[in-house]
């Protein structure tokens, strides 16, 4: 069967609005060029539409107009690869779910080590940032905590001290094992994240050792987070001002 015919037959079985890519079409690597041409023709005649590079969907037509792709389905394609997590949602939408802000995010941000993501499809707007470490199902929530510390001065509708109080609550709820893992991941983050994490954990009187985190900091570098010692007494030990 020719590649174009194979693609048409496969697409007929894909539900409308469900995003799909080359892997879903069963295309061999040596047929990618022919497949790209076939998909291009299907886009021109309106059979399919493009979401982003290599991702398409079949538009669903209703009496109210044409529906876009399934948002959750699109995100799933970028968060997982072969059933394994390779990315996670970060930014303001995550911070909303963490209780750091009440504002809703109109643009979703994804942290990934894969290729950059840029989707602007109707109400669905997605961009990506480079993750600091490899992402797994076990660590992505901890990485989200570190992202919040990194962006603590930019979280909308939330002061720095409000964010610190909320993050202190979340970090205290972690097990000692998770707190240790958090420190290991923090070593790959900017100095301001390591300093603030150390100050919060020390203020919580955690039982884990913080020496490795402290030794990763340049004692001559001052971290400006606009917080007072009366609000977080341990900042003097972590070069924070």
C-alpha atoms as a PDB file:
ATOM      1  CA  UNK A   1       0.000   0.000   0.000  1.00  0.00           C
ATOM      2  CA  UNK A   2       1.281   3.465  -0.860  1.00  0.00           C
ATOM      3  CA  UNK A   3       2.137   5.784   2.002  1.00  0.00           C
ATOM      4  CA  UNK A   4      -0.608   8.297   1.119  1.00  0.00           C
ATOM      5  CA  UNK A   5      -3.269   5.577   1.049  1.00  0.00           C
ATOM      6  CA  UNK A   6      -1.975   4.124   4.320  1.00  0.00           C
ATOM      7  CA  UNK A   7      -2.225   7.521   5.979  1.00  0.00           C
ATOM      8  CA  UNK A   8      -5.761   8.125   4.713  1.00  0.00           C
ATOM      9  CA  UNK A   9      -6.905   4.704   5.973  1.00  0.00           C
ATOM     10  CA  UNK A  10      -5.334   5.276   9.383  1.00  0.00           C
ATOM     11  CA  UNK A  11      -6.723   8.805   9.752  1.00  0.00           C
ATOM     12  CA  UNK A  12     -10.242   7.519   9.109  1.00  0.00           C
ATOM     13  CA  UNK A  13      -9.981   5.566  12.373  1.00  0.00           C
ATOM     14  CA  UNK A  14      -8.679   8.481  14.460  1.00  0.00           C
ATOM     15  CA  UNK A  15     -11.392  10.314  16.442  1.00  0.00           C
ATOM     16  CA  UNK A  16     -12.028  13.939  15.561  1.00  0.00           C
ATOM     17  CA  UNK A  17     -10.105  16.509  17.645  1.00  0.00           C
ATOM     18  CA  UNK A  18      -7.684  13.830  18.889  1.00  0.00           C
ATOM     19  CA  UNK A  19      -4.081  14.896  18.210  1.00  0.00           C
ATOM     20  CA  UNK A  20      -1.844  12.448  16.383  1.00  0.00           C
ATOM     21  CA  UNK A  21       1.682  12.263  15.004  1.00  0.00           C
ATOM     22  CA  UNK A  22       3.851  10.167  12.738  1.00  0.00           C
ATOM     23  CA  UNK A  23       4.151   7.378  15.298  1.00  0.00           C
ATOM     24  CA  UNK A  24       0.361   7.007  15.373  1.00  0.00           C
ATOM     25  CA  UNK A  25       0.307   6.540  11.605  1.00  0.00           C
ATOM     26  CA  UNK A  26       2.711   3.599  11.598  1.00  0.00           C
ATOM     27  CA  UNK A  27       5.074   5.333   9.169  1.00  0.00           C
ATOM     28  CA  UNK A  28       8.542   3.862   8.668  1.00  0.00           C
ATOM     29  CA  UNK A  29      11.484   6.245   8.991  1.00  0.00           C
ATOM     30  CA  UNK A  30      12.407   5.885   5.317  1.00  0.00           C
ATOM     31  CA  UNK A  31       8.862   6.937   4.351  1.00  0.00           C
ATOM     32  CA  UNK A  32       8.810  10.157   6.376  1.00  0.00           C
ATOM     33  CA  UNK A  33       9.352  12.372   3.319  1.00  0.00           C
ATOM     34  CA  UNK A  34       6.439  10.821   1.457  1.00  0.00           C
ATOM     35  CA  UNK A  35       4.337  10.969   4.615  1.00  0.00           C
ATOM     36  CA  UNK A  36       5.118  14.682   5.075  1.00  0.00           C
ATOM     37  CA  UNK A  37       3.971  15.386   1.522  1.00  0.00           C
ATOM     38  CA  UNK A  38       0.777  13.375   2.041  1.00  0.00           C
ATOM     39  CA  UNK A  39       0.018  15.192   5.295  1.00  0.00           C
ATOM     40  CA  UNK A  40       0.691  18.514   3.615  1.00  0.00           C
ATOM     41  CA  UNK A  41      -1.924  17.718   0.959  1.00  0.00           C
ATOM     42  CA  UNK A  42      -4.429  16.718   3.637  1.00  0.00           C
ATOM     43  CA  UNK A  43      -3.834  20.037   5.372  1.00  0.00           C
ATOM     44  CA  UNK A  44      -4.433  21.958   2.158  1.00  0.00           C
ATOM     45  CA  UNK A  45      -7.775  20.298   1.525  1.00  0.00           C
ATOM     46  CA  UNK A  46      -8.859  20.812   5.147  1.00  0.00           C
ATOM     47  CA  UNK A  47      -8.987  17.149   6.151  1.00  0.00           C
ATOM     48  CA  UNK A  48      -6.489  17.733   8.966  1.00  0.00           C
ATOM     49  CA  UNK A  49      -4.951  20.720  10.696  1.00  0.00           C
ATOM     50  CA  UNK A  50      -1.547  21.217  12.232  1.00  0.00           C
ATOM     51  CA  UNK A  51      -1.108  21.828  15.969  1.00  0.00           C
ATOM     52  CA  UNK A  52       2.678  22.048  16.037  1.00  0.00           C
ATOM     53  CA  UNK A  53       5.621  20.391  14.327  1.00  0.00           C
ATOM     54  CA  UNK A  54       4.682  16.757  13.675  1.00  0.00           C
ATOM     55  CA  UNK A  55       1.338  16.962  15.517  1.00  0.00           C
ATOM     56  CA  UNK A  56      -2.038  17.170  13.725  1.00  0.00           C
ATOM     57  CA  UNK A  57      -5.757  16.688  14.346  1.00  0.00           C
ATOM     58  CA  UNK A  58      -8.977  16.170  12.419  1.00  0.00           C
ATOM     59  CA  UNK A  59     -11.212  19.209  12.945  1.00  0.00           C
ATOM     60  CA  UNK A  60     -14.698  18.520  14.228  1.00  0.00           C
ATOM     61  CA  UNK A  61     -17.444  20.575  12.597  1.00  0.00           C
ATOM     62  CA  UNK A  62     -20.534  21.522  14.628  1.00  0.00           C
ATOM     63  CA  UNK A  63     -23.459  23.902  14.142  1.00  0.00           C
ATOM     64  CA  UNK A  64     -21.521  26.373  16.264  1.00  0.00           C
ATOM     65  CA  UNK A  65     -18.435  26.160  14.102  1.00  0.00           C
ATOM     66  CA  UNK A  66     -15.262  24.154  13.945  1.00  0.00           C
ATOM     67  CA  UNK A  67     -13.803  22.747  17.149  1.00  0.00           C
ATOM     68  CA  UNK A  68     -10.082  22.765  17.825  1.00  0.00           C
ATOM     69  CA  UNK A  69      -7.933  19.878  19.055  1.00  0.00           C
ATOM     70  CA  UNK A  70      -8.428  18.251  22.434  1.00  0.00           C
ATOM     71  CA  UNK A  71      -6.255  20.276  24.825  1.00  0.00           C
ATOM     72  CA  UNK A  72      -5.602  17.465  27.280  1.00  0.00           C
ATOM     73  CA  UNK A  73      -4.677  15.137  24.452  1.00  0.00           C
ATOM     74  CA  UNK A  74      -2.143  17.631  23.118  1.00  0.00           C
ATOM     75  CA  UNK A  75      -0.511  18.144  26.506  1.00  0.00           C
ATOM     76  CA  UNK A  76      -0.287  14.400  27.068  1.00  0.00           C
ATOM     77  CA  UNK A  77       1.766  14.063  23.883  1.00  0.00           C
ATOM     78  CA  UNK A  78       4.411  16.401  25.288  1.00  0.00           C
ATOM     79  CA  UNK A  79       4.346  15.263  28.896  1.00  0.00           C
ATOM     80  CA  UNK A  80       4.876  11.590  28.069  1.00  0.00           C
ATOM     81  CA  UNK A  81       6.923   9.637  25.564  1.00  0.00           C
ATOM     82  CA  UNK A  82       6.417   5.890  25.139  1.00  0.00           C
ATOM     83  CA  UNK A  83       4.456   5.904  28.375  1.00  0.00           C
ATOM     84  CA  UNK A  84       7.220   7.608  30.368  1.00  0.00           C
ATOM     85  CA  UNK A  85       7.064  11.147  31.717  1.00  0.00           C
ATOM     86  CA  UNK A  86       9.532  13.451  29.962  1.00  0.00           C
ATOM     87  CA  UNK A  87       8.046  16.855  30.846  1.00  0.00           C
ATOM     88  CA  UNK A  88       5.820  18.577  33.389  1.00  0.00           C
ATOM     89  CA  UNK A  89       3.613  21.626  33.634  1.00  0.00           C
ATOM     90  CA  UNK A  90       5.261  24.570  35.359  1.00  0.00           C
ATOM     91  CA  UNK A  91       4.750  28.328  35.574  1.00  0.00           C
ATOM     92  CA  UNK A  92       1.671  30.171  36.790  1.00  0.00           C
ATOM     93  CA  UNK A  93      -0.809  27.355  36.100  1.00  0.00           C
ATOM     94  CA  UNK A  94       1.241  25.084  38.392  1.00  0.00           C
ATOM     95  CA  UNK A  95       1.614  27.777  41.035  1.00  0.00           C
ATOM     96  CA  UNK A  96      -2.156  28.209  41.020  1.00  0.00           C
ATOM     97  CA  UNK A  97      -2.621  24.521  41.805  1.00  0.00           C
ATOM     98  CA  UNK A  98       0.035  24.778  44.522  1.00  0.00           C
ATOM     99  CA  UNK A  99      -1.993  27.470  46.253  1.00  0.00           C
ATOM    100  CA  UNK A 100       0.518  30.229  45.573  1.00  0.00           C
ATOM    101  CA  UNK A 101      -1.801  32.392  43.458  1.00  0.00           C
ATOM    102  CA  UNK A 102      -5.481  32.645  42.675  1.00  0.00           C
ATOM    103  CA  UNK A 103      -4.855  33.979  39.185  1.00  0.00           C
ATOM    104  CA  UNK A 104      -5.459  31.665  36.266  1.00  0.00           C
ATOM    105  CA  UNK A 105      -2.834  31.269  33.557  1.00  0.00           C
ATOM    106  CA  UNK A 106      -3.927  31.786  29.974  1.00  0.00           C
ATOM    107  CA  UNK A 107      -0.716  30.317  28.624  1.00  0.00           C
ATOM    108  CA  UNK A 108       0.606  26.944  29.736  1.00  0.00           C
ATOM    109  CA  UNK A 109       4.321  26.476  30.276  1.00  0.00           C
ATOM    110  CA  UNK A 110       5.976  23.079  30.068  1.00  0.00           C
ATOM    111  CA  UNK A 111       9.428  22.180  31.394  1.00  0.00           C
ATOM    112  CA  UNK A 112      11.221  19.694  29.186  1.00  0.00           C
ATOM    113  CA  UNK A 113      14.672  18.622  28.059  1.00  0.00           C
ATOM    114  CA  UNK A 114      13.265  17.763  24.643  1.00  0.00           C
ATOM    115  CA  UNK A 115      12.793  20.084  21.667  1.00  0.00           C
ATOM    116  CA  UNK A 116      11.185  23.492  22.340  1.00  0.00           C
ATOM    117  CA  UNK A 117       7.378  23.582  22.286  1.00  0.00           C
ATOM    118  CA  UNK A 118       5.345  26.431  20.828  1.00  0.00           C
ATOM    119  CA  UNK A 119       1.600  25.945  20.345  1.00  0.00           C
ATOM    120  CA  UNK A 120      -0.854  28.716  19.516  1.00  0.00           C
ATOM    121  CA  UNK A 121      -4.082  26.933  18.654  1.00  0.00           C
ATOM    122  CA  UNK A 122      -7.196  28.933  19.511  1.00  0.00           C
ATOM    123  CA  UNK A 123      -7.480  29.154  23.288  1.00  0.00           C
ATOM    124  CA  UNK A 124      -4.618  26.694  23.743  1.00  0.00           C
ATOM    125  CA  UNK A 125      -1.287  28.452  24.069  1.00  0.00           C
ATOM    126  CA  UNK A 126       1.717  26.442  25.162  1.00  0.00           C
ATOM    127  CA  UNK A 127       5.403  27.291  25.389  1.00  0.00           C
ATOM    128  CA  UNK A 128       8.330  25.481  26.952  1.00  0.00           C
ATOM    129  CA  UNK A 129      11.337  26.118  29.151  1.00  0.00           C
ATOM    130  CA  UNK A 130      14.421  23.969  29.486  1.00  0.00           C
ATOM    131  CA  UNK A 131      14.358  21.740  32.553  1.00  0.00           C
ATOM    132  CA  UNK A 132      17.427  21.687  34.761  1.00  0.00           C
ATOM    133  CA  UNK A 133      17.497  17.902  35.204  1.00  0.00           C
ATOM    134  CA  UNK A 134      16.072  14.823  33.528  1.00  0.00           C
ATOM    135  CA  UNK A 135      12.391  14.449  34.344  1.00  0.00           C
ATOM    136  CA  UNK A 136      10.731  11.336  35.721  1.00  0.00           C
ATOM    137  CA  UNK A 137       7.384  10.446  37.257  1.00  0.00           C
ATOM    138  CA  UNK A 138       9.101  10.375  40.668  1.00  0.00           C
ATOM    139  CA  UNK A 139      10.774  13.788  40.590  1.00  0.00           C
ATOM    140  CA  UNK A 140       8.575  16.160  38.589  1.00  0.00           C
ATOM    141  CA  UNK A 141       6.585  17.387  41.596  1.00  0.00           C
ATOM    142  CA  UNK A 142       9.794  18.222  43.478  1.00  0.00           C
ATOM    143  CA  UNK A 143      11.068  20.086  40.432  1.00  0.00           C
ATOM    144  CA  UNK A 144       7.860  22.106  40.462  1.00  0.00           C
ATOM    145  CA  UNK A 145       8.640  23.199  44.031  1.00  0.00           C
ATOM    146  CA  UNK A 146      12.079  24.364  42.938  1.00  0.00           C
ATOM    147  CA  UNK A 147      10.555  26.241  40.004  1.00  0.00           C
ATOM    148  CA  UNK A 148       8.285  28.086  42.436  1.00  0.00           C
ATOM    149  CA  UNK A 149      11.302  29.131  44.516  1.00  0.00           C
ATOM    150  CA  UNK A 150      13.047  30.278  41.348  1.00  0.00           C
ATOM    151  CA  UNK A 151      10.074  32.434  40.318  1.00  0.00           C
ATOM    152  CA  UNK A 152       9.101  33.541  43.829  1.00  0.00           C
ATOM    153  CA  UNK A 153       9.342  37.247  43.004  1.00  0.00           C
ATOM    154  CA  UNK A 154       7.254  36.889  39.830  1.00  0.00           C
ATOM    155  CA  UNK A 155       4.255  34.905  41.069  1.00  0.00           C
ATOM    156  CA  UNK A 156       1.167  37.092  40.466  1.00  0.00           C
ATOM    157  CA  UNK A 157      -1.078  38.141  43.330  1.00  0.00           C
ATOM    158  CA  UNK A 158       1.370  36.729  45.891  1.00  0.00           C
ATOM    159  CA  UNK A 159       3.988  38.545  47.971  1.00  0.00           C
ATOM    160  CA  UNK A 160       7.366  36.967  48.624  1.00  0.00           C
ATOM    161  CA  UNK A 161       6.570  36.344  52.275  1.00  0.00           C
ATOM    162  CA  UNK A 162       3.192  34.805  51.381  1.00  0.00           C
ATOM    163  CA  UNK A 163       4.947  32.493  48.940  1.00  0.00           C
ATOM    164  CA  UNK A 164       7.586  31.558  51.523  1.00  0.00           C
ATOM    165  CA  UNK A 165       4.917  30.677  54.071  1.00  0.00           C
ATOM    166  CA  UNK A 166       3.097  28.483  51.569  1.00  0.00           C
ATOM    167  CA  UNK A 167       6.307  26.831  50.366  1.00  0.00           C
ATOM    168  CA  UNK A 168       7.345  26.229  53.984  1.00  0.00           C
ATOM    169  CA  UNK A 169       4.075  24.376  54.526  1.00  0.00           C
ATOM    170  CA  UNK A 170       4.605  22.263  51.399  1.00  0.00           C
ATOM    171  CA  UNK A 171       8.260  21.471  52.142  1.00  0.00           C
ATOM    172  CA  UNK A 172       7.508  20.542  55.729  1.00  0.00           C
ATOM    173  CA  UNK A 173       4.994  17.970  54.481  1.00  0.00           C
ATOM    174  CA  UNK A 174       7.723  16.147  52.521  1.00  0.00           C
ATOM    175  CA  UNK A 175       9.414  13.096  53.965  1.00  0.00           C
ATOM    176  CA  UNK A 176      13.096  13.303  54.923  1.00  0.00           C
ATOM    177  CA  UNK A 177      13.904  11.216  51.847  1.00  0.00           C
ATOM    178  CA  UNK A 178      12.031  13.654  49.601  1.00  0.00           C
ATOM    179  CA  UNK A 179      13.734  16.636  51.243  1.00  0.00           C
ATOM    180  CA  UNK A 180      17.124  15.044  50.569  1.00  0.00           C
ATOM    181  CA  UNK A 181      16.179  14.440  46.945  1.00  0.00           C
ATOM    182  CA  UNK A 182      14.967  18.034  46.675  1.00  0.00           C
ATOM    183  CA  UNK A 183      18.406  19.252  47.762  1.00  0.00           C
ATOM    184  CA  UNK A 184      20.136  17.082  45.162  1.00  0.00           C
ATOM    185  CA  UNK A 185      17.970  18.526  42.385  1.00  0.00           C
ATOM    186  CA  UNK A 186      18.427  22.045  43.747  1.00  0.00           C
ATOM    187  CA  UNK A 187      22.170  21.781  43.119  1.00  0.00           C
ATOM    188  CA  UNK A 188      21.389  22.146  39.401  1.00  0.00           C
ATOM    189  CA  UNK A 189      19.300  25.289  39.944  1.00  0.00           C
ATOM    190  CA  UNK A 190      20.447  28.935  40.233  1.00  0.00           C
ATOM    191  CA  UNK A 191      22.046  30.148  43.476  1.00  0.00           C
ATOM    192  CA  UNK A 192      18.902  32.030  44.573  1.00  0.00           C
ATOM    193  CA  UNK A 193      16.959  28.758  44.610  1.00  0.00           C
ATOM    194  CA  UNK A 194      19.624  26.974  46.652  1.00  0.00           C
ATOM    195  CA  UNK A 195      19.862  29.872  49.121  1.00  0.00           C
ATOM    196  CA  UNK A 196      16.135  30.181  49.636  1.00  0.00           C
ATOM    197  CA  UNK A 197      15.633  26.432  49.904  1.00  0.00           C
ATOM    198  CA  UNK A 198      18.373  26.245  52.531  1.00  0.00           C
ATOM    199  CA  UNK A 199      16.933  29.127  54.526  1.00  0.00           C
ATOM    200  CA  UNK A 200      13.429  27.621  54.517  1.00  0.00           C
ATOM    201  CA  UNK A 201      14.592  24.126  55.449  1.00  0.00           C
ATOM    202  CA  UNK A 202      16.813  25.446  58.228  1.00  0.00           C
ATOM    203  CA  UNK A 203      13.946  27.526  59.552  1.00  0.00           C
ATOM    204  CA  UNK A 204      11.804  24.375  59.587  1.00  0.00           C
ATOM    205  CA  UNK A 205      14.444  22.636  61.747  1.00  0.00           C
ATOM    206  CA  UNK A 206      14.565  19.648  59.415  1.00  0.00           C
ATOM    207  CA  UNK A 207      16.601  16.669  60.507  1.00  0.00           C
ATOM    208  CA  UNK A 208      18.513  16.335  57.237  1.00  0.00           C
ATOM    209  CA  UNK A 209      21.972  17.758  56.619  1.00  0.00           C
ATOM    210  CA  UNK A 210      22.218  21.056  54.707  1.00  0.00           C
ATOM    211  CA  UNK A 211      26.008  21.320  54.383  1.00  0.00           C
ATOM    212  CA  UNK A 212      26.139  20.228  50.740  1.00  0.00           C
ATOM    213  CA  UNK A 213      23.553  22.845  49.821  1.00  0.00           C
ATOM    214  CA  UNK A 214      25.424  25.570  51.709  1.00  0.00           C
ATOM    215  CA  UNK A 215      28.832  24.615  50.295  1.00  0.00           C
ATOM    216  CA  UNK A 216      27.424  24.959  46.758  1.00  0.00           C
ATOM    217  CA  UNK A 217      27.022  28.716  47.329  1.00  0.00           C
ATOM    218  CA  UNK A 218      29.639  31.396  46.775  1.00  0.00           C
ATOM    219  CA  UNK A 219      29.961  33.132  50.181  1.00  0.00           C
ATOM    220  CA  UNK A 220      30.707  36.423  48.395  1.00  0.00           C
ATOM    221  CA  UNK A 221      27.515  36.369  46.357  1.00  0.00           C
ATOM    222  CA  UNK A 222      24.524  38.136  47.895  1.00  0.00           C
ATOM    223  CA  UNK A 223      21.007  36.999  46.975  1.00  0.00           C
ATOM    224  CA  UNK A 224      18.383  39.737  46.803  1.00  0.00           C
ATOM    225  CA  UNK A 225      14.897  38.358  47.426  1.00  0.00           C
ATOM    226  CA  UNK A 226      13.464  41.387  49.251  1.00  0.00           C
ATOM    227  CA  UNK A 227      12.713  39.648  52.534  1.00  0.00           C
ATOM    228  CA  UNK A 228      13.527  40.655  56.098  1.00  0.00           C
ATOM    229  CA  UNK A 229      15.177  38.619  58.826  1.00  0.00           C
ATOM    230  CA  UNK A 230      12.091  39.196  60.963  1.00  0.00           C
ATOM    231  CA  UNK A 231      10.100  37.293  58.330  1.00  0.00           C
ATOM    232  CA  UNK A 232      12.598  34.483  57.782  1.00  0.00           C
ATOM    233  CA  UNK A 233      15.288  34.534  60.513  1.00  0.00           C
ATOM    234  CA  UNK A 234      17.637  32.088  58.779  1.00  0.00           C
ATOM    235  CA  UNK A 235      18.330  34.275  55.720  1.00  0.00           C
ATOM    236  CA  UNK A 236      21.504  35.620  57.360  1.00  0.00           C
ATOM    237  CA  UNK A 237      23.005  32.128  57.098  1.00  0.00           C
ATOM    238  CA  UNK A 238      22.265  31.862  53.380  1.00  0.00           C
ATOM    239  CA  UNK A 239      23.559  35.143  51.921  1.00  0.00           C
ATOM    240  CA  UNK A 240      20.025  36.449  51.431  1.00  0.00           C
ATOM    241  CA  UNK A 241      19.151  40.118  51.779  1.00  0.00           C
END
